């Protein structure tokens, strides 16, 4: 069964990245991949769709995106009208038409709608239309707050990134800091690892960022929240380690987590044992030999 799925994926959109295939055709195939992933609840398909989109990023044009919105979203729908408003009139008047698929229609699912937000947002940022990008990203965040679907998490994590980037590029990142912290809190409650500012699990990088913006965190009175986030960073890093290794020494665990305590091996053992007890990782602890 797994082999059949993998063989089908090899024949799907990833192999159609040649310049001979119109970009609109690529996007429609990606939309089909998202719909399949949403229906089957296979997050990896949606992750793949995002990767394929990034590969097409330099080829995106306003007219192509306008045509795709007409294909992917219901005509006259709120999402269609809102996203179309961020594109120039010239783009909407110069829509590309794919005669082979002009009669086809893709079901309007929440995943596909969020993907459309992501696609438009990426295009606006690349075109340096930062005001439109901010408006688009803010609208996407409002829409995401009404969704709690694991198949949306991958798309949401990318939207969070570009939401932050669009405000950072205009020097207004401080305006949405509260929103970003709130989004992280929701992602944590929903066990959405992809949507959490700590998903890398790099404790040293987290420490660097925390120290760099310590003054800002103090003025915003969010220092306590940042301290609590450190625990999430460690857990994320530990989870990544447990997935990657069948057996690893506690000394290497401490090294990979970059624990900077006086006794990092003992701390690593304590962290691992608590994570196992809480069900955060599926592992066993060999105290005598110092292995996880």
Protein backbone atom coordinates (compact mmCIF):
# COMPACT_ATOMS: atom_id res chain seq x y z
CA UNK A 1 0.00 0.00 0.00
CA UNK A 2 2.83 2.38 0.91
CA UNK A 3 4.67 1.55 -2.29
CA UNK A 4 1.54 2.30 -4.32
CA UNK A 5 1.18 5.70 -2.68
CA UNK A 6 4.84 6.51 -3.25
CA UNK A 7 4.60 5.48 -6.90
CA UNK A 8 1.57 7.70 -7.41
CA UNK A 9 3.37 10.61 -5.76
CA UNK A 10 6.29 10.17 -8.12
CA UNK A 11 3.89 10.74 -10.99
CA UNK A 12 2.20 13.75 -9.36
CA UNK A 13 3.05 17.47 -9.51
CA UNK A 14 6.66 17.21 -8.35
CA UNK A 15 7.68 15.79 -11.71
CA UNK A 16 5.91 18.52 -13.66
CA UNK A 17 8.21 21.39 -12.81
CA UNK A 18 9.62 21.81 -16.32
CA UNK A 19 9.25 25.13 -18.08
CA UNK A 20 7.13 23.51 -20.80
CA UNK A 21 4.18 23.18 -18.44
CA UNK A 22 2.27 26.43 -17.77
CA UNK A 23 2.52 27.76 -14.22
CA UNK A 24 -1.27 27.79 -13.95
CA UNK A 25 -1.28 24.07 -14.71
CA UNK A 26 1.26 23.51 -11.93
CA UNK A 27 -0.90 25.44 -9.47
CA UNK A 28 -3.96 23.41 -10.38
CA UNK A 29 -2.05 20.19 -9.82
CA UNK A 30 -0.85 21.53 -6.47
CA UNK A 31 -4.47 22.37 -5.58
CA UNK A 32 -5.42 18.78 -6.38
CA UNK A 33 -2.62 17.57 -4.11
CA UNK A 34 -3.90 19.76 -1.28
CA UNK A 35 -7.45 18.49 -1.74
CA UNK A 36 -6.27 14.90 -1.69
CA UNK A 37 -4.20 15.53 1.43
CA UNK A 38 -7.12 17.25 3.16
CA UNK A 39 -9.55 14.45 2.29
CA UNK A 40 -7.17 11.68 3.35
CA UNK A 41 -5.82 13.73 6.29
CA UNK A 42 -2.28 13.27 5.05
CA UNK A 43 -0.26 16.26 6.17
CA UNK A 44 2.78 15.17 4.15
CA UNK A 45 0.92 15.82 0.89
CA UNK A 46 0.15 19.38 1.95
CA UNK A 47 3.76 19.85 3.04
CA UNK A 48 4.77 18.74 -0.41
CA UNK A 49 2.38 21.21 -1.98
CA UNK A 50 4.08 24.04 -0.08
CA UNK A 51 7.50 22.92 -1.28
CA UNK A 52 6.29 22.80 -4.88
CA UNK A 53 4.88 26.30 -4.54
CA UNK A 54 8.18 27.68 -3.28
CA UNK A 55 9.84 26.11 -6.34
CA UNK A 56 7.43 28.06 -8.57
CA UNK A 57 7.86 31.32 -6.66
CA UNK A 58 9.97 33.12 -9.25
CA UNK A 59 7.53 32.24 -12.03
CA UNK A 60 4.40 33.61 -10.36
CA UNK A 61 2.59 36.43 -12.13
CA UNK A 62 -0.46 38.42 -11.10
CA UNK A 63 -2.49 37.23 -14.09
CA UNK A 64 -1.73 33.59 -13.28
CA UNK A 65 -2.74 34.02 -9.64
CA UNK A 66 -5.97 35.78 -10.66
CA UNK A 67 -6.83 32.86 -12.93
CA UNK A 68 -6.01 30.39 -10.18
CA UNK A 69 -8.26 32.19 -7.68
CA UNK A 70 -11.09 31.90 -10.16
CA UNK A 71 -10.37 28.19 -10.43
CA UNK A 72 -9.85 27.37 -6.76
CA UNK A 73 -12.40 29.59 -5.02
CA UNK A 74 -16.12 29.82 -5.57
CA UNK A 75 -17.06 32.79 -7.80
CA UNK A 76 -18.31 35.69 -5.71
CA UNK A 77 -17.17 34.10 -2.45
CA UNK A 78 -15.83 36.37 0.28
CA UNK A 79 -12.35 34.84 0.03
CA UNK A 80 -12.26 35.25 -3.75
CA UNK A 81 -13.32 38.89 -3.61
CA UNK A 82 -10.94 39.76 -0.77
CA UNK A 83 -7.89 38.12 -2.34
CA UNK A 84 -8.64 39.55 -5.77
CA UNK A 85 -8.75 43.03 -4.25
CA UNK A 86 -5.07 42.76 -3.34
CA UNK A 87 -4.10 42.26 -6.99
CA UNK A 88 -3.91 45.07 -9.52
CA UNK A 89 -6.69 45.62 -12.05
CA UNK A 90 -4.29 44.82 -14.86
CA UNK A 91 -3.65 41.39 -13.37
CA UNK A 92 -7.36 40.68 -13.13
CA UNK A 93 -8.07 41.87 -16.67
CA UNK A 94 -5.19 39.88 -18.15
CA UNK A 95 -6.14 36.49 -16.74
CA UNK A 96 -4.52 33.46 -18.32
CA UNK A 97 -6.98 30.85 -19.53
CA UNK A 98 -6.10 27.18 -19.69
CA UNK A 99 -8.50 25.77 -22.26
CA UNK A 100 -7.75 22.21 -21.25
CA UNK A 101 -8.95 22.81 -17.70
CA UNK A 102 -11.17 25.88 -18.09
CA UNK A 103 -14.29 23.88 -17.31
CA UNK A 104 -12.82 22.17 -14.26
CA UNK A 105 -13.56 23.26 -10.73
CA UNK A 106 -11.76 22.36 -7.53
CA UNK A 107 -13.82 21.90 -4.37
CA UNK A 108 -13.53 24.91 -2.09
CA UNK A 109 -12.04 23.39 1.07
CA UNK A 110 -10.61 25.33 4.03
CA UNK A 111 -7.13 24.02 3.18
CA UNK A 112 -7.37 25.30 -0.38
CA UNK A 113 -8.69 28.66 0.78
CA UNK A 114 -5.76 29.07 3.19
CA UNK A 115 -3.39 28.04 0.42
CA UNK A 116 -4.79 30.83 -1.75
CA UNK A 117 -4.02 33.32 1.02
CA UNK A 118 -0.47 32.00 1.19
CA UNK A 119 0.00 32.16 -2.57
CA UNK A 120 -1.21 35.76 -2.83
CA UNK A 121 0.84 36.80 0.20
CA UNK A 122 4.06 35.35 -1.24
CA UNK A 123 3.41 37.15 -4.54
CA UNK A 124 2.75 40.50 -2.85
CA UNK A 125 5.95 40.30 -0.79
CA UNK A 126 8.00 39.39 -3.85
CA UNK A 127 6.48 42.35 -5.69
CA UNK A 128 7.40 44.59 -2.72
CA UNK A 129 3.75 45.53 -2.22
CA UNK A 130 4.16 45.50 1.53
CA UNK A 131 0.99 47.39 2.47
CA UNK A 132 -1.13 44.92 0.50
CA UNK A 133 0.91 42.08 2.00
CA UNK A 134 0.17 43.30 5.53
CA UNK A 135 -3.54 43.51 4.78
CA UNK A 136 -3.55 40.06 3.19
CA UNK A 137 -1.57 38.45 6.01
CA UNK A 138 -3.79 40.03 8.68
CA UNK A 139 -6.90 38.75 6.91
CA UNK A 140 -5.38 35.26 6.71
CA UNK A 141 -4.71 35.25 10.46
CA UNK A 142 -8.32 36.20 11.18
CA UNK A 143 -9.47 33.32 8.99
CA UNK A 144 -7.06 30.87 10.62
CA UNK A 145 -8.43 31.64 14.08
CA UNK A 146 -11.69 29.98 13.06
CA UNK A 147 -9.98 26.76 11.94
CA UNK A 148 -8.64 23.89 14.04
CA UNK A 149 -7.60 21.25 11.52
CA UNK A 150 -4.27 19.41 11.57
CA UNK A 151 -4.19 19.51 7.77
CA UNK A 152 -4.11 23.32 7.98
CA UNK A 153 -1.13 23.44 10.36
CA UNK A 154 1.52 23.27 7.64
CA UNK A 155 -0.05 26.14 5.70
CA UNK A 156 -0.64 28.11 8.90
CA UNK A 157 3.01 27.85 9.92
CA UNK A 158 4.08 29.42 6.61
CA UNK A 159 1.44 32.13 6.92
CA UNK A 160 2.71 32.99 10.40
CA UNK A 161 6.19 33.42 8.94
CA UNK A 162 5.11 35.69 6.10
CA UNK A 163 2.72 37.57 8.42
CA UNK A 164 5.71 38.43 10.60
CA UNK A 165 7.92 39.17 7.58
CA UNK A 166 5.44 41.57 5.97
CA UNK A 167 5.39 43.71 9.12
CA UNK A 168 9.13 43.40 9.69
CA UNK A 169 9.85 44.69 6.17
CA UNK A 170 7.96 47.88 6.96
CA UNK A 171 9.52 48.31 10.40
CA UNK A 172 6.22 47.65 12.17
CA UNK A 173 6.87 44.22 13.69
CA UNK A 174 6.26 45.57 17.21
CA UNK A 175 2.61 46.17 16.27
CA UNK A 176 1.87 42.45 16.00
CA UNK A 177 4.13 41.09 18.75
CA UNK A 178 1.11 40.50 20.97
CA UNK A 179 -0.68 38.68 18.16
CA UNK A 180 2.35 36.46 17.52
CA UNK A 181 2.55 35.50 21.20
CA UNK A 182 -1.18 34.75 21.22
CA UNK A 183 -0.83 32.61 18.09
CA UNK A 184 1.98 30.67 19.72
CA UNK A 185 -0.18 30.09 22.79
CA UNK A 186 -3.02 28.73 20.64
CA UNK A 187 -0.62 26.54 18.65
CA UNK A 188 0.70 25.10 21.90
CA UNK A 189 -2.79 24.34 23.23
CA UNK A 190 -3.65 22.61 19.94
CA UNK A 191 -0.38 20.65 19.97
CA UNK A 192 0.49 22.31 16.67
CA UNK A 193 4.27 21.95 16.64
CA UNK A 194 4.66 23.52 13.20
CA UNK A 195 2.86 26.66 14.31
CA UNK A 196 5.01 27.14 17.47
CA UNK A 197 8.23 30.61 17.15
CA UNK A 198 10.25 27.55 19.06
CA UNK A 199 9.69 24.63 16.48
CA UNK A 200 13.43 24.33 15.66
CA UNK A 201 14.34 23.20 19.17
CA UNK A 202 17.61 25.18 19.16
CA UNK A 203 18.16 26.30 22.75
CA UNK A 204 21.24 28.39 21.92
CA UNK A 205 19.40 30.27 19.19
CA UNK A 206 16.46 30.81 21.54
CA UNK A 207 18.83 32.17 24.20
CA UNK A 208 20.41 34.55 21.69
CA UNK A 209 17.03 35.93 20.63
CA UNK A 210 15.82 36.19 24.23
CA UNK A 211 18.91 38.19 25.24
CA UNK A 212 18.79 40.38 22.14
CA UNK A 213 15.21 41.51 22.78
CA UNK A 214 15.25 41.32 26.59
CA UNK A 215 14.56 45.06 26.92
CA UNK A 216 11.53 44.79 24.65
CA UNK A 217 10.19 41.77 26.53
CA UNK A 218 10.60 43.65 29.81
CA UNK A 219 8.73 46.70 28.55
CA UNK A 220 5.97 44.47 27.16
CA UNK A 221 5.84 42.52 30.42
CA UNK A 222 6.27 39.21 28.61
CA UNK A 223 9.46 38.05 30.32
CA UNK A 224 7.67 35.29 32.23
CA UNK A 225 6.20 33.96 28.99
CA UNK A 226 9.64 33.87 27.36
CA UNK A 227 11.03 31.93 30.32
CA UNK A 228 8.24 29.37 29.96
CA UNK A 229 8.91 29.08 26.21
CA UNK A 230 12.40 27.76 27.00
CA UNK A 231 10.81 24.54 28.23
CA UNK A 232 8.97 24.18 24.91
CA UNK A 233 12.21 24.66 22.99
CA UNK A 234 13.88 21.86 24.96
CA UNK A 235 10.91 19.53 24.49
CA UNK A 236 10.83 20.19 20.74
CA UNK A 237 14.55 19.52 20.41
CA UNK A 238 14.24 16.33 22.46
CA UNK A 239 11.33 15.13 20.35
CA UNK A 240 13.35 15.65 17.18
CA UNK A 241 16.23 13.67 18.69
CA UNK A 242 13.97 10.79 19.74
CA UNK A 243 12.61 10.52 16.20
CA UNK A 244 16.05 10.64 14.56
CA UNK A 245 17.91 8.14 16.77
CA UNK A 246 17.12 4.60 17.86
CA UNK A 247 19.72 4.97 20.64
CA UNK A 248 21.79 7.95 21.75
CA UNK A 249 23.95 8.70 24.78
CA UNK A 250 22.73 11.24 27.31
CA UNK A 251 25.97 13.15 26.78
CA UNK A 252 25.09 13.57 23.10
CA UNK A 253 21.52 14.51 24.02
CA UNK A 254 22.89 17.28 26.27
CA UNK A 255 25.21 18.40 23.49
CA UNK A 256 22.46 18.50 20.86
CA UNK A 257 20.10 20.34 23.19
CA UNK A 258 22.99 22.71 23.99
CA UNK A 259 22.39 22.58 27.71
CA UNK A 260 24.71 25.04 29.42
CA UNK A 261 24.29 23.87 33.02
CA UNK A 262 27.11 22.74 35.38
CA UNK A 263 26.05 19.09 34.96
CA UNK A 264 24.45 18.82 31.48
CA UNK A 265 24.33 15.00 31.42
CA UNK A 266 22.37 14.82 34.67
CA UNK A 267 20.06 17.57 33.44
CA UNK A 268 19.57 15.71 30.15
CA UNK A 269 18.62 12.56 32.06
CA UNK A 270 16.13 14.50 34.15
CA UNK A 271 14.59 16.13 31.07
CA UNK A 272 14.36 12.81 29.22
CA UNK A 273 12.79 10.97 32.16
CA UNK A 274 10.16 13.67 32.63
CA UNK A 275 9.38 13.73 28.91
CA UNK A 276 8.92 9.95 28.91
CA UNK A 277 6.72 10.13 32.00
CA UNK A 278 4.56 12.86 30.45
CA UNK A 279 4.23 10.92 27.19
CA UNK A 280 5.97 13.65 25.18
CA UNK A 281 8.37 11.13 23.61
CA UNK A 282 8.27 7.38 23.01
CA UNK A 283 11.57 6.21 24.51
CA UNK A 284 13.23 4.30 27.36
CA UNK A 285 16.04 5.40 29.64
CA UNK A 286 19.09 3.22 30.40
CA UNK A 287 20.49 4.86 33.52
CA UNK A 288 23.33 2.37 34.03
CA UNK A 289 24.82 2.90 30.56
CA UNK A 290 23.71 6.49 30.08
CA UNK A 291 21.55 5.90 26.97
CA UNK A 292 18.18 7.10 25.76
